[in-house]
Each structure stands twice: as structure tokens, then as C-alpha cells.
N, C-alpha and C. Protein backbone atom coordinates (compact mmCIF):
# COMPACT_ATOMS: atom_id res chain seq x y z
N MET A 1 74.44 139.88 110.94
CA MET A 1 74.72 139.71 112.37
C MET A 1 73.97 140.77 113.17
N SER A 2 73.36 140.37 114.29
CA SER A 2 72.56 141.28 115.10
C SER A 2 73.43 142.18 115.97
N LEU A 3 72.81 143.22 116.52
CA LEU A 3 73.53 144.12 117.42
C LEU A 3 74.02 143.38 118.67
N THR A 4 73.20 142.41 119.13
CA THR A 4 73.60 141.62 120.30
C THR A 4 74.87 140.85 120.01
N SER A 5 74.94 140.26 118.82
CA SER A 5 76.15 139.51 118.44
C SER A 5 77.34 140.44 118.30
N ASP A 6 77.13 141.61 117.71
CA ASP A 6 78.21 142.59 117.58
C ASP A 6 78.77 142.97 118.94
N PHE A 7 77.88 143.07 119.94
CA PHE A 7 78.30 143.46 121.28
C PHE A 7 78.97 142.31 122.04
N THR A 8 78.34 141.15 122.04
CA THR A 8 78.82 140.05 122.89
C THR A 8 80.08 139.36 122.37
N LYS A 9 80.35 139.43 121.08
CA LYS A 9 81.50 138.70 120.54
C LYS A 9 82.81 139.20 121.15
N GLY A 10 82.90 140.49 121.44
CA GLY A 10 84.13 141.04 122.00
C GLY A 10 84.35 140.64 123.44
N ILE A 11 83.28 140.30 124.13
CA ILE A 11 83.40 139.92 125.55
C ILE A 11 83.92 138.51 125.70
N TRP A 12 83.53 137.61 124.79
CA TRP A 12 83.95 136.22 124.94
C TRP A 12 84.51 135.62 123.65
N LYS A 13 83.66 135.46 122.63
CA LYS A 13 84.04 134.72 121.42
C LYS A 13 85.25 135.32 120.70
N GLU A 14 85.33 136.65 120.66
CA GLU A 14 86.46 137.32 120.02
C GLU A 14 87.13 138.27 121.00
N ASN A 15 87.26 137.83 122.25
CA ASN A 15 87.91 138.67 123.26
C ASN A 15 89.27 139.13 122.75
N PRO A 16 89.54 140.44 122.75
CA PRO A 16 90.77 140.95 122.14
C PRO A 16 92.06 140.41 122.76
N VAL A 17 92.03 140.07 124.03
CA VAL A 17 93.23 139.57 124.70
C VAL A 17 93.29 138.05 124.70
N LEU A 18 92.22 137.40 125.14
CA LEU A 18 92.24 135.96 125.36
C LEU A 18 92.03 135.14 124.09
N VAL A 19 91.50 135.76 123.05
CA VAL A 19 91.28 135.02 121.79
C VAL A 19 92.12 135.60 120.66
N LEU A 20 92.06 136.91 120.47
CA LEU A 20 92.79 137.54 119.36
C LEU A 20 94.24 137.86 119.72
N LEU A 21 94.56 137.83 121.01
CA LEU A 21 95.92 138.12 121.50
C LEU A 21 96.41 139.49 121.02
N LEU A 22 95.55 140.50 121.15
CA LEU A 22 95.90 141.87 120.81
C LEU A 22 96.09 142.68 122.09
N GLY A 23 96.78 143.80 121.96
CA GLY A 23 96.97 144.68 123.11
C GLY A 23 97.82 144.07 124.20
N MET A 24 98.82 143.28 123.83
CA MET A 24 99.64 142.61 124.83
C MET A 24 100.49 143.57 125.66
N CYS A 25 100.90 144.69 125.04
CA CYS A 25 101.76 145.64 125.76
C CYS A 25 101.07 146.19 127.01
N PRO A 26 99.89 146.82 126.89
CA PRO A 26 99.22 147.29 128.12
C PRO A 26 98.73 146.14 128.99
N THR A 27 98.35 145.02 128.38
CA THR A 27 97.87 143.88 129.15
C THR A 27 98.92 143.40 130.14
N LEU A 28 100.15 143.31 129.70
CA LEU A 28 101.23 142.84 130.57
C LEU A 28 101.85 143.96 131.38
N GLY A 29 101.77 145.20 130.86
CA GLY A 29 102.48 146.29 131.49
C GLY A 29 101.76 146.99 132.63
N VAL A 30 100.42 147.05 132.59
CA VAL A 30 99.71 147.86 133.58
C VAL A 30 98.89 147.05 134.58
N THR A 31 98.85 145.73 134.43
CA THR A 31 97.94 144.93 135.26
C THR A 31 98.59 144.44 136.54
N SER A 32 99.44 145.27 137.15
CA SER A 32 100.02 144.87 138.44
C SER A 32 98.98 144.91 139.55
N ASN A 33 97.88 145.63 139.33
CA ASN A 33 96.75 145.60 140.27
C ASN A 33 95.45 145.88 139.52
N ALA A 34 94.34 145.65 140.18
CA ALA A 34 93.03 145.76 139.55
C ALA A 34 92.68 147.20 139.17
N VAL A 35 93.08 148.16 139.99
CA VAL A 35 92.75 149.57 139.72
C VAL A 35 93.40 150.03 138.43
N ASN A 36 94.67 149.69 138.23
CA ASN A 36 95.36 150.07 136.99
C ASN A 36 94.71 149.42 135.78
N GLY A 37 94.34 148.15 135.91
CA GLY A 37 93.67 147.45 134.82
C GLY A 37 92.36 148.12 134.45
N LEU A 38 91.59 148.52 135.46
CA LEU A 38 90.31 149.19 135.22
C LEU A 38 90.53 150.54 134.54
N GLY A 39 91.51 151.31 135.02
CA GLY A 39 91.79 152.61 134.42
C GLY A 39 92.19 152.50 132.96
N MET A 40 93.06 151.56 132.65
CA MET A 40 93.50 151.38 131.27
C MET A 40 92.36 150.91 130.39
N GLY A 41 91.55 150.00 130.92
CA GLY A 41 90.42 149.47 130.16
C GLY A 41 89.39 150.54 129.83
N VAL A 42 89.06 151.38 130.81
CA VAL A 42 88.07 152.45 130.59
C VAL A 42 88.60 153.47 129.58
N ALA A 43 89.89 153.82 129.69
CA ALA A 43 90.48 154.76 128.74
C ALA A 43 90.42 154.22 127.31
N THR A 44 90.75 152.94 127.16
CA THR A 44 90.71 152.32 125.83
C THR A 44 89.28 152.22 125.32
N LEU A 45 88.33 151.93 126.20
CA LEU A 45 86.92 151.86 125.83
C LEU A 45 86.43 153.20 125.27
N PHE A 46 86.79 154.28 125.94
CA PHE A 46 86.39 155.62 125.48
C PHE A 46 86.94 155.91 124.08
N VAL A 47 88.21 155.59 123.87
CA VAL A 47 88.84 155.84 122.56
C VAL A 47 88.20 154.96 121.50
N LEU A 48 87.92 153.71 121.83
CA LEU A 48 87.27 152.79 120.89
C LEU A 48 85.93 153.33 120.42
N ILE A 49 85.10 153.74 121.37
CA ILE A 49 83.76 154.24 121.01
C ILE A 49 83.86 155.50 120.17
N GLY A 50 84.66 156.46 120.62
CA GLY A 50 84.79 157.72 119.89
C GLY A 50 85.33 157.54 118.48
N SER A 51 86.40 156.76 118.34
CA SER A 51 87.01 156.58 117.02
C SER A 51 86.11 155.77 116.10
N ASN A 52 85.43 154.75 116.62
CA ASN A 52 84.51 153.97 115.79
C ASN A 52 83.36 154.82 115.25
N ILE A 53 82.84 155.72 116.09
CA ILE A 53 81.74 156.59 115.66
C ILE A 53 82.20 157.52 114.54
N VAL A 54 83.32 158.20 114.75
CA VAL A 54 83.81 159.17 113.76
C VAL A 54 84.18 158.48 112.45
N ILE A 55 84.87 157.36 112.54
CA ILE A 55 85.30 156.66 111.33
C ILE A 55 84.11 156.09 110.58
N SER A 56 83.09 155.62 111.30
CA SER A 56 81.89 155.12 110.64
C SER A 56 81.16 156.25 109.91
N ILE A 57 81.16 157.45 110.49
CA ILE A 57 80.52 158.60 109.85
C ILE A 57 81.28 159.04 108.60
N LEU A 58 82.61 159.00 108.68
CA LEU A 58 83.45 159.53 107.60
C LEU A 58 83.93 158.47 106.62
N LYS A 59 83.46 157.24 106.77
CA LYS A 59 84.02 156.14 105.96
C LYS A 59 83.91 156.37 104.45
N ASN A 60 82.87 157.09 104.03
CA ASN A 60 82.70 157.33 102.59
C ASN A 60 83.41 158.60 102.11
N VAL A 61 83.97 159.33 103.05
CA VAL A 61 84.67 160.58 102.71
C VAL A 61 86.19 160.38 102.67
N ILE A 62 86.68 159.51 103.55
CA ILE A 62 88.12 159.28 103.65
C ILE A 62 88.62 158.51 102.43
N PRO A 63 89.60 159.03 101.70
CA PRO A 63 90.17 158.30 100.55
C PRO A 63 90.81 156.99 101.00
N LYS A 64 90.62 155.94 100.24
CA LYS A 64 91.12 154.63 100.64
C LYS A 64 92.64 154.59 100.74
N LYS A 65 93.33 155.33 99.90
CA LYS A 65 94.79 155.28 99.88
C LYS A 65 95.41 155.89 101.13
N ILE A 66 94.70 156.76 101.80
CA ILE A 66 95.27 157.39 103.00
C ILE A 66 94.40 157.11 104.23
N ARG A 67 93.63 156.04 104.18
CA ARG A 67 92.69 155.77 105.27
C ARG A 67 93.40 155.49 106.60
N ILE A 68 94.52 154.74 106.59
CA ILE A 68 95.21 154.41 107.83
C ILE A 68 95.74 155.66 108.53
N PRO A 69 96.45 156.56 107.83
CA PRO A 69 96.86 157.81 108.49
C PRO A 69 95.68 158.61 109.03
N CYS A 70 94.56 158.61 108.29
CA CYS A 70 93.37 159.33 108.76
C CYS A 70 92.82 158.70 110.02
N TYR A 71 92.79 157.36 110.06
CA TYR A 71 92.30 156.67 111.24
C TYR A 71 93.18 157.00 112.45
N ILE A 72 94.48 157.04 112.23
CA ILE A 72 95.41 157.32 113.33
C ILE A 72 95.20 158.74 113.87
N VAL A 73 94.92 159.68 112.98
CA VAL A 73 94.66 161.06 113.42
C VAL A 73 93.40 161.11 114.28
N VAL A 74 92.35 160.40 113.86
CA VAL A 74 91.10 160.35 114.63
C VAL A 74 91.36 159.72 116.00
N ILE A 75 92.05 158.59 116.00
CA ILE A 75 92.34 157.90 117.27
C ILE A 75 93.19 158.78 118.17
N ALA A 76 94.21 159.43 117.60
CA ALA A 76 95.09 160.29 118.39
C ALA A 76 94.32 161.45 119.03
N THR A 77 93.30 161.93 118.35
CA THR A 77 92.47 163.02 118.89
C THR A 77 91.78 162.57 120.17
N PHE A 78 91.19 161.38 120.13
CA PHE A 78 90.48 160.88 121.31
C PHE A 78 91.45 160.49 122.42
N VAL A 79 92.63 160.00 122.06
CA VAL A 79 93.64 159.69 123.07
C VAL A 79 94.07 160.97 123.78
N THR A 80 94.22 162.05 123.02
CA THR A 80 94.59 163.34 123.63
C THR A 80 93.51 163.82 124.60
N ILE A 81 92.25 163.64 124.21
CA ILE A 81 91.14 164.00 125.11
C ILE A 81 91.21 163.19 126.40
N VAL A 82 91.42 161.88 126.26
CA VAL A 82 91.50 161.01 127.44
C VAL A 82 92.67 161.42 128.32
N LYS A 83 93.82 161.67 127.72
CA LYS A 83 95.01 162.05 128.49
C LYS A 83 94.77 163.34 129.26
N ASN A 84 94.17 164.32 128.62
CA ASN A 84 93.90 165.60 129.29
C ASN A 84 92.89 165.44 130.43
N LEU A 85 91.86 164.60 130.21
CA LEU A 85 90.88 164.36 131.27
C LEU A 85 91.53 163.65 132.47
N MET A 86 92.41 162.70 132.17
CA MET A 86 93.08 161.98 133.26
C MET A 86 94.02 162.90 134.02
N ASP A 87 94.73 163.76 133.30
CA ASP A 87 95.62 164.72 133.97
C ASP A 87 94.83 165.65 134.89
N ALA A 88 93.59 165.95 134.49
CA ALA A 88 92.79 166.90 135.28
C ALA A 88 92.05 166.24 136.44
N TYR A 89 91.55 165.02 136.23
CA TYR A 89 90.63 164.44 137.22
C TYR A 89 91.06 163.11 137.82
N ALA A 90 91.92 162.36 137.17
CA ALA A 90 92.28 161.03 137.68
C ALA A 90 93.21 161.16 138.88
N PRO A 91 93.13 160.22 139.83
CA PRO A 91 94.06 160.23 140.96
C PRO A 91 95.51 160.16 140.47
N ALA A 92 96.39 160.83 141.17
CA ALA A 92 97.79 160.91 140.75
C ALA A 92 98.44 159.53 140.64
N ALA A 93 98.07 158.62 141.54
CA ALA A 93 98.68 157.28 141.53
C ALA A 93 98.36 156.54 140.24
N ILE A 94 97.09 156.62 139.80
CA ILE A 94 96.70 155.94 138.56
C ILE A 94 97.37 156.60 137.36
N ASN A 95 97.38 157.92 137.35
CA ASN A 95 98.01 158.67 136.25
C ASN A 95 99.48 158.30 136.11
N GLU A 96 100.17 158.17 137.24
CA GLU A 96 101.59 157.84 137.22
C GLU A 96 101.80 156.39 136.78
N ALA A 97 100.93 155.49 137.25
CA ALA A 97 101.09 154.08 136.92
C ALA A 97 100.85 153.80 135.44
N LEU A 98 99.84 154.46 134.86
CA LEU A 98 99.52 154.23 133.45
C LEU A 98 100.51 154.95 132.53
N GLY A 99 100.93 156.13 132.96
CA GLY A 99 102.00 156.85 132.29
C GLY A 99 101.96 156.82 130.78
N LEU A 100 103.01 156.24 130.19
CA LEU A 100 103.18 156.21 128.73
C LEU A 100 102.16 155.32 128.04
N PHE A 101 101.51 154.42 128.77
CA PHE A 101 100.59 153.48 128.13
C PHE A 101 99.34 154.18 127.58
N ILE A 102 98.97 155.32 128.14
CA ILE A 102 97.81 156.05 127.61
C ILE A 102 98.10 156.62 126.22
N PRO A 103 99.20 157.35 126.01
CA PRO A 103 99.51 157.80 124.65
C PRO A 103 99.68 156.65 123.66
N LEU A 104 100.14 155.50 124.14
CA LEU A 104 100.37 154.35 123.26
C LEU A 104 99.06 153.72 122.76
N ILE A 105 97.92 154.16 123.29
CA ILE A 105 96.64 153.67 122.76
C ILE A 105 96.52 154.02 121.28
N VAL A 106 97.21 155.07 120.86
CA VAL A 106 97.17 155.48 119.45
C VAL A 106 97.57 154.33 118.54
N VAL A 107 98.54 153.54 118.96
CA VAL A 107 99.01 152.42 118.11
C VAL A 107 98.53 151.07 118.64
N ASN A 108 97.53 151.09 119.50
CA ASN A 108 96.99 149.84 120.02
C ASN A 108 96.29 149.08 118.88
N CYS A 109 96.68 147.82 118.68
CA CYS A 109 96.12 147.03 117.58
C CYS A 109 94.61 146.85 117.70
N ILE A 110 94.09 146.85 118.92
CA ILE A 110 92.65 146.68 119.11
C ILE A 110 91.89 147.85 118.50
N VAL A 111 92.32 149.07 118.81
CA VAL A 111 91.62 150.27 118.35
C VAL A 111 91.73 150.42 116.84
N LEU A 112 92.94 150.35 116.32
CA LEU A 112 93.14 150.50 114.88
C LEU A 112 92.50 149.34 114.12
N GLY A 113 92.56 148.14 114.69
CA GLY A 113 91.97 146.97 114.05
C GLY A 113 90.46 147.07 113.92
N ARG A 114 89.78 147.57 114.95
CA ARG A 114 88.32 147.73 114.88
C ARG A 114 87.94 148.83 113.90
N ALA A 115 88.77 149.87 113.83
CA ALA A 115 88.50 150.94 112.87
C ALA A 115 88.56 150.42 111.44
N GLU A 116 89.61 149.65 111.15
CA GLU A 116 89.81 149.14 109.78
C GLU A 116 88.86 147.99 109.45
N ALA A 117 88.69 147.06 110.39
CA ALA A 117 87.94 145.84 110.10
C ALA A 117 86.43 146.01 110.27
N PHE A 118 86.00 146.96 111.10
CA PHE A 118 84.56 147.05 111.39
C PHE A 118 83.95 148.42 111.14
N ALA A 119 84.46 149.45 111.81
CA ALA A 119 83.83 150.78 111.73
C ALA A 119 83.82 151.32 110.30
N ALA A 120 84.87 151.01 109.54
CA ALA A 120 84.96 151.53 108.17
C ALA A 120 84.03 150.81 107.21
N LYS A 121 83.33 149.79 107.70
CA LYS A 121 82.47 149.00 106.80
C LYS A 121 81.04 148.89 107.29
N ASN A 122 80.73 149.47 108.46
CA ASN A 122 79.41 149.28 109.05
C ASN A 122 78.80 150.59 109.52
N SER A 123 77.53 150.51 109.93
CA SER A 123 76.80 151.70 110.38
C SER A 123 77.29 152.19 111.74
N ILE A 124 76.83 153.37 112.12
CA ILE A 124 77.25 153.96 113.40
C ILE A 124 76.79 153.10 114.57
N ILE A 125 75.54 152.64 114.54
CA ILE A 125 75.00 151.85 115.65
C ILE A 125 75.77 150.55 115.83
N ARG A 126 76.03 149.86 114.73
CA ARG A 126 76.79 148.61 114.81
C ARG A 126 78.22 148.86 115.26
N SER A 127 78.79 149.98 114.84
CA SER A 127 80.16 150.32 115.23
C SER A 127 80.24 150.61 116.73
N ILE A 128 79.19 151.26 117.26
CA ILE A 128 79.15 151.52 118.71
C ILE A 128 79.03 150.20 119.48
N ALA A 129 78.17 149.30 119.01
CA ALA A 129 78.00 148.00 119.67
C ALA A 129 79.30 147.22 119.65
N ASP A 130 79.99 147.25 118.52
CA ASP A 130 81.28 146.56 118.41
C ASP A 130 82.31 147.15 119.35
N ALA A 131 82.38 148.48 119.41
CA ALA A 131 83.34 149.15 120.29
C ALA A 131 83.05 148.86 121.75
N LEU A 132 81.76 148.88 122.12
CA LEU A 132 81.39 148.56 123.51
C LEU A 132 81.80 147.15 123.89
N GLY A 133 81.49 146.20 122.99
CA GLY A 133 81.83 144.80 123.29
C GLY A 133 83.32 144.59 123.43
N MET A 134 84.08 145.09 122.46
CA MET A 134 85.53 144.93 122.50
C MET A 134 86.15 145.66 123.69
N GLY A 135 85.63 146.87 123.96
CA GLY A 135 86.17 147.64 125.08
C GLY A 135 85.87 147.02 126.42
N ILE A 136 84.64 146.52 126.59
CA ILE A 136 84.28 145.87 127.85
C ILE A 136 85.03 144.56 128.02
N GLY A 137 85.16 143.80 126.92
CA GLY A 137 85.93 142.55 126.98
C GLY A 137 87.37 142.81 127.38
N PHE A 138 87.96 143.85 126.80
CA PHE A 138 89.34 144.23 127.13
C PHE A 138 89.45 144.66 128.59
N THR A 139 88.49 145.48 129.03
CA THR A 139 88.50 145.97 130.41
C THR A 139 88.35 144.84 131.42
N LEU A 140 87.40 143.95 131.19
CA LEU A 140 87.19 142.83 132.11
C LEU A 140 88.42 141.95 132.21
N THR A 141 89.08 141.73 131.07
CA THR A 141 90.29 140.91 131.09
C THR A 141 91.40 141.57 131.87
N LEU A 142 91.60 142.88 131.66
CA LEU A 142 92.64 143.59 132.39
C LEU A 142 92.35 143.63 133.89
N VAL A 143 91.08 143.82 134.25
CA VAL A 143 90.73 143.83 135.68
C VAL A 143 90.96 142.45 136.29
N ALA A 144 90.58 141.39 135.57
CA ALA A 144 90.77 140.04 136.09
C ALA A 144 92.25 139.71 136.27
N LEU A 145 93.07 140.09 135.28
CA LEU A 145 94.51 139.86 135.39
C LEU A 145 95.11 140.68 136.53
N GLY A 146 94.72 141.96 136.60
CA GLY A 146 95.24 142.81 137.67
C GLY A 146 94.82 142.33 139.04
N ALA A 147 93.56 141.92 139.18
CA ALA A 147 93.07 141.43 140.47
C ALA A 147 93.80 140.16 140.89
N SER A 148 94.04 139.27 139.95
CA SER A 148 94.74 138.02 140.25
C SER A 148 96.17 138.29 140.72
N ARG A 149 96.86 139.16 139.98
CA ARG A 149 98.24 139.46 140.35
C ARG A 149 98.32 140.21 141.68
N GLU A 150 97.39 141.14 141.90
CA GLU A 150 97.38 141.92 143.15
C GLU A 150 97.11 141.02 144.35
N PHE A 151 96.13 140.10 144.19
CA PHE A 151 95.79 139.23 145.31
C PHE A 151 96.92 138.26 145.63
N LEU A 152 97.52 137.70 144.58
CA LEU A 152 98.61 136.74 144.80
C LEU A 152 99.87 137.42 145.34
N CYS A 153 99.99 138.74 145.09
CA CYS A 153 101.15 139.46 145.59
C CYS A 153 101.05 139.78 147.07
N ASN A 154 99.92 140.36 147.48
CA ASN A 154 99.83 140.78 148.89
C ASN A 154 98.45 140.58 149.52
N GLY A 155 97.59 139.79 148.87
CA GLY A 155 96.30 139.48 149.48
C GLY A 155 95.32 140.63 149.49
N SER A 156 95.39 141.52 148.49
CA SER A 156 94.47 142.65 148.43
C SER A 156 93.75 142.69 147.09
N LEU A 157 92.64 143.43 147.05
CA LEU A 157 91.88 143.65 145.83
C LEU A 157 91.45 145.11 145.79
N PHE A 158 91.72 145.79 144.68
CA PHE A 158 91.41 147.21 144.54
C PHE A 158 91.97 148.01 145.71
N ASP A 159 93.22 147.67 146.08
CA ASP A 159 93.96 148.33 147.16
C ASP A 159 93.32 148.15 148.54
N ILE A 160 92.39 147.21 148.66
CA ILE A 160 91.78 146.89 149.96
C ILE A 160 92.37 145.57 150.44
N HIS A 161 92.99 145.58 151.62
CA HIS A 161 93.64 144.38 152.15
C HIS A 161 92.58 143.36 152.57
N ILE A 162 92.51 142.26 151.84
CA ILE A 162 91.53 141.21 152.14
C ILE A 162 92.04 140.28 153.23
N ILE A 163 93.30 139.87 153.09
CA ILE A 163 93.92 138.98 154.08
C ILE A 163 94.90 139.83 154.89
N THR A 164 94.47 140.24 156.04
CA THR A 164 95.26 141.19 156.84
C THR A 164 96.56 140.58 157.36
N ALA A 165 96.60 139.26 157.49
CA ALA A 165 97.81 138.61 158.00
C ALA A 165 98.89 138.43 156.93
N TRP A 166 98.58 138.81 155.69
CA TRP A 166 99.53 138.67 154.58
C TRP A 166 100.50 139.84 154.63
N ASN A 167 101.65 139.63 155.25
CA ASN A 167 102.60 140.71 155.48
C ASN A 167 103.81 140.68 154.54
N THR A 168 104.04 139.52 153.89
CA THR A 168 105.21 139.40 153.01
C THR A 168 104.75 139.32 151.56
N PRO A 169 104.98 140.34 150.76
CA PRO A 169 104.50 140.35 149.35
C PRO A 169 105.19 139.27 148.51
N PHE A 170 104.43 138.66 147.62
CA PHE A 170 104.97 137.71 146.65
C PHE A 170 105.30 138.52 145.40
N LEU A 171 106.50 139.11 145.39
CA LEU A 171 106.85 140.14 144.42
C LEU A 171 106.88 139.64 142.98
N LEU A 172 107.03 138.34 142.77
CA LEU A 172 107.05 137.81 141.41
C LEU A 172 105.80 138.24 140.64
N MET A 173 104.67 138.33 141.32
CA MET A 173 103.40 138.60 140.65
C MET A 173 103.27 140.01 140.10
N ILE A 174 104.03 140.96 140.64
CA ILE A 174 103.89 142.33 140.14
C ILE A 174 104.95 142.69 139.10
N PHE A 175 105.85 141.75 138.83
CA PHE A 175 106.86 141.96 137.80
C PHE A 175 106.48 141.22 136.52
N ALA A 176 107.24 141.48 135.45
CA ALA A 176 106.92 140.93 134.14
C ALA A 176 106.74 139.41 134.12
N PRO A 177 107.61 138.62 134.76
CA PRO A 177 107.39 137.17 134.74
C PRO A 177 106.04 136.75 135.29
N GLY A 178 105.58 137.43 136.35
CA GLY A 178 104.27 137.13 136.93
C GLY A 178 103.15 137.42 135.96
N ALA A 179 103.30 138.51 135.19
CA ALA A 179 102.29 138.85 134.19
C ALA A 179 102.18 137.75 133.14
N PHE A 180 103.32 137.25 132.66
CA PHE A 180 103.31 136.19 131.65
C PHE A 180 102.72 134.90 132.21
N ILE A 181 103.04 134.59 133.46
CA ILE A 181 102.52 133.36 134.07
C ILE A 181 101.00 133.40 134.19
N ILE A 182 100.47 134.50 134.73
CA ILE A 182 99.03 134.62 134.92
C ILE A 182 98.30 134.66 133.58
N LEU A 183 98.85 135.40 132.62
CA LEU A 183 98.22 135.44 131.29
C LEU A 183 98.22 134.05 130.65
N GLY A 184 99.30 133.31 130.82
CA GLY A 184 99.36 131.95 130.28
C GLY A 184 98.30 131.06 130.90
N ILE A 185 98.07 131.20 132.20
CA ILE A 185 97.03 130.41 132.87
C ILE A 185 95.65 130.79 132.33
N PHE A 186 95.43 132.09 132.15
CA PHE A 186 94.14 132.55 131.61
C PHE A 186 93.90 131.98 130.21
N LEU A 187 94.94 132.01 129.37
CA LEU A 187 94.80 131.49 128.01
C LEU A 187 94.53 129.98 128.02
N ALA A 188 95.18 129.27 128.94
CA ALA A 188 94.95 127.83 129.04
C ALA A 188 93.52 127.53 129.46
N ILE A 189 93.01 128.30 130.43
CA ILE A 189 91.62 128.12 130.88
C ILE A 189 90.65 128.42 129.74
N MET A 190 90.90 129.51 129.00
CA MET A 190 90.03 129.88 127.89
C MET A 190 90.02 128.78 126.83
N ASN A 191 91.18 128.24 126.51
CA ASN A 191 91.29 127.19 125.51
C ASN A 191 90.58 125.92 125.98
N LYS A 192 90.70 125.62 127.27
CA LYS A 192 90.05 124.44 127.84
C LYS A 192 88.53 124.57 127.77
N LEU A 193 88.02 125.75 128.11
CA LEU A 193 86.57 125.98 128.06
C LEU A 193 86.03 125.88 126.64
N GLU A 194 86.77 126.43 125.68
CA GLU A 194 86.35 126.35 124.28
C GLU A 194 86.35 124.90 123.81
N ARG A 195 87.34 124.14 124.21
CA ARG A 195 87.42 122.73 123.82
C ARG A 195 86.27 121.94 124.43
N HIS A 196 85.98 122.18 125.70
CA HIS A 196 84.89 121.49 126.38
C HIS A 196 83.55 121.83 125.73
N SER A 197 83.36 123.11 125.37
CA SER A 197 82.11 123.53 124.73
C SER A 197 81.93 122.85 123.38
N ALA A 198 83.03 122.75 122.61
CA ALA A 198 82.95 122.11 121.30
C ALA A 198 82.57 120.64 121.42
N ILE A 199 83.19 119.94 122.35
CA ILE A 199 82.90 118.52 122.54
C ILE A 199 81.47 118.32 123.02
N LYS A 200 81.02 119.18 123.94
CA LYS A 200 79.67 119.07 124.49
C LYS A 200 78.61 119.27 123.41
N ASN A 201 78.88 120.17 122.45
CA ASN A 201 77.92 120.47 121.39
C ASN A 201 78.13 119.62 120.14
N GLY A 202 79.00 118.64 120.22
CA GLY A 202 79.23 117.74 119.10
C GLY A 202 80.00 118.35 117.96
N ARG A 203 80.75 119.42 118.23
CA ARG A 203 81.55 120.04 117.18
C ARG A 203 82.99 119.56 117.27
N ILE A 204 83.70 119.65 116.15
CA ILE A 204 85.12 119.32 116.15
C ILE A 204 85.88 120.55 116.60
N TYR A 205 86.62 120.40 117.67
CA TYR A 205 87.35 121.55 118.20
C TYR A 205 88.58 121.83 117.35
N THR A 206 88.73 123.09 116.96
CA THR A 206 89.91 123.53 116.23
C THR A 206 90.55 124.67 117.00
N ALA A 207 91.79 124.51 117.36
CA ALA A 207 92.48 125.55 118.13
C ALA A 207 92.62 126.81 117.29
N PRO A 208 92.59 127.99 117.92
CA PRO A 208 92.80 129.23 117.17
C PRO A 208 94.09 129.14 116.36
N GLU A 209 94.07 129.71 115.17
CA GLU A 209 95.20 129.57 114.25
C GLU A 209 96.52 129.98 114.89
N HIS A 210 96.48 131.07 115.69
CA HIS A 210 97.72 131.56 116.28
C HIS A 210 98.21 130.70 117.43
N LEU A 211 97.36 129.74 117.89
CA LEU A 211 97.76 128.85 118.97
C LEU A 211 97.94 127.41 118.52
N SER A 212 97.69 127.13 117.25
CA SER A 212 97.75 125.76 116.76
C SER A 212 99.14 125.43 116.22
N CYS A 213 99.39 124.13 116.02
CA CYS A 213 100.68 123.68 115.51
C CYS A 213 100.92 124.17 114.09
N SER A 214 99.85 124.45 113.35
CA SER A 214 100.01 124.89 111.96
C SER A 214 100.71 126.23 111.86
N ALA A 215 100.64 127.01 112.94
CA ALA A 215 101.27 128.33 112.94
C ALA A 215 102.66 128.31 113.55
N CYS A 216 103.12 127.12 113.95
CA CYS A 216 104.41 126.98 114.63
C CYS A 216 105.42 126.31 113.71
N ARG A 217 106.65 126.77 113.73
CA ARG A 217 107.69 126.19 112.90
C ARG A 217 108.89 125.72 113.73
N ILE A 218 108.70 125.60 115.03
CA ILE A 218 109.81 125.21 115.91
C ILE A 218 110.30 123.80 115.56
N CYS A 219 109.35 122.89 115.29
CA CYS A 219 109.73 121.51 114.98
C CYS A 219 110.60 121.42 113.73
N ASP A 220 110.45 122.39 112.82
CA ASP A 220 111.26 122.36 111.59
C ASP A 220 112.73 122.57 111.89
N MET A 221 113.04 123.12 113.05
CA MET A 221 114.43 123.36 113.40
C MET A 221 115.21 122.06 113.55
N ASN A 222 114.47 120.96 113.84
CA ASN A 222 115.13 119.66 113.98
C ASN A 222 115.76 119.20 112.68
N ASN A 223 115.27 119.74 111.56
CA ASN A 223 115.76 119.31 110.26
C ASN A 223 116.90 120.16 109.74
N ILE A 224 117.24 121.18 110.55
CA ILE A 224 118.35 122.05 110.14
C ILE A 224 119.68 121.37 110.41
N GLU A 225 120.53 121.29 109.43
CA GLU A 225 121.84 120.64 109.59
C GLU A 225 122.95 121.68 109.71
């Protein structure tokens, strides 16, 4: 696989949120506006790049039996760096909004997953390309979700009032139910585009395993007596 493929797959084909459904906690928790989404995405991108580089360098030194604890220590180091930088330089509003979600990057499935599945098996350059793609894909998704919720709530984008006559906030959009609704719409659009692309190119469309009926057991409940 080329460096271009390593980079672009995270933006669309293997988008961590819209395809792999990873990082749901920060995705739903911090995207009440576009600025928060951007801040969280950039912080995660920095940790992804740093941890992928270090783990790729040390992959032949780290014992396999303790590799996961070692990966977590590396990731926690970069999360601490990010947290300290944000405490020193980030606007207070963003720091307060992201709060606990920054330390929680340590256990973010996206970061640990790329360390285990990619950085530990590939070169430094490929690991950087993978981290950039996944990080940018994650950031773009968070910004899009945050921008959608912010605009539908009060007609603003990046804290700039676009529709000045919008005086009554649609508060549903900044609370948890609004996050689930918008994310559901995004997933439906992504699935629709993938289906259309498959049909257009003469391929048989197969829904992602985690979204297909094969992964669901709800219908089996009908047989319970």
C-alpha cells in the first residue's frame, strides 16, 4: 500500500468515526460547537502522530507480552504534553469545554488501535502518514458535527453569528440527544454514498459488519419464550 493510500484511507474509506465507529465518547461529548470539535481533533492528531512515531521506532524493542502497557505509557506521555500546552496557551473557554476529554485520549480506541494495528508493524514514514490521515479524518468529522449542531442551535459557526435574527436557541442540538441525532444522519449519509458508489462501479454493496444484520441479534428475541 502506498503512502497516499495510508494517508487518505483515514479521511474517508476508514474514517474512525463514520466507518469504524471509534472515539464515540469525545465525538458525542465535545461537538456542541465547531471550535470544541476542532480543539479536540487537533489534540488527538498531535497524540496520534507522536505515539505512532515512538511506537514505530521502538516496535522491535518492546516485549510482545507487555506491549499494550508500554503503548499506553507512550500515549499518556503525549497526552500530558498536550494537556500542559493547552493549560498554558489555549483559550480558557476551550480548555474548560474539553476538560476531562483531553486526559481520556489515553484510552481513546483510535490512538491505541493505530498503535497496535499499524505503528507496531510498519515504518516511521508510513506510521506518520497513517496518523495524519486518521487524525485529520477524526478532526474533520468532529468539526462537521460541531458546526452542524452549533448552526442548528443558534445560527452561528465558530462562535460567529451567521443569522442575526436567530434569537431563540434550539437547545436540543447542544445536548446529548442532538448529538445522537446528527451523528445518525451523518452515518446514514455515509452509508448512502458508499452504496451509491458500489452500484455505480458495478460492485456488490456490503454494509459494514458493525452496521449489518449479521451483527444484530435483536430479531432472535422474538424466539424467546
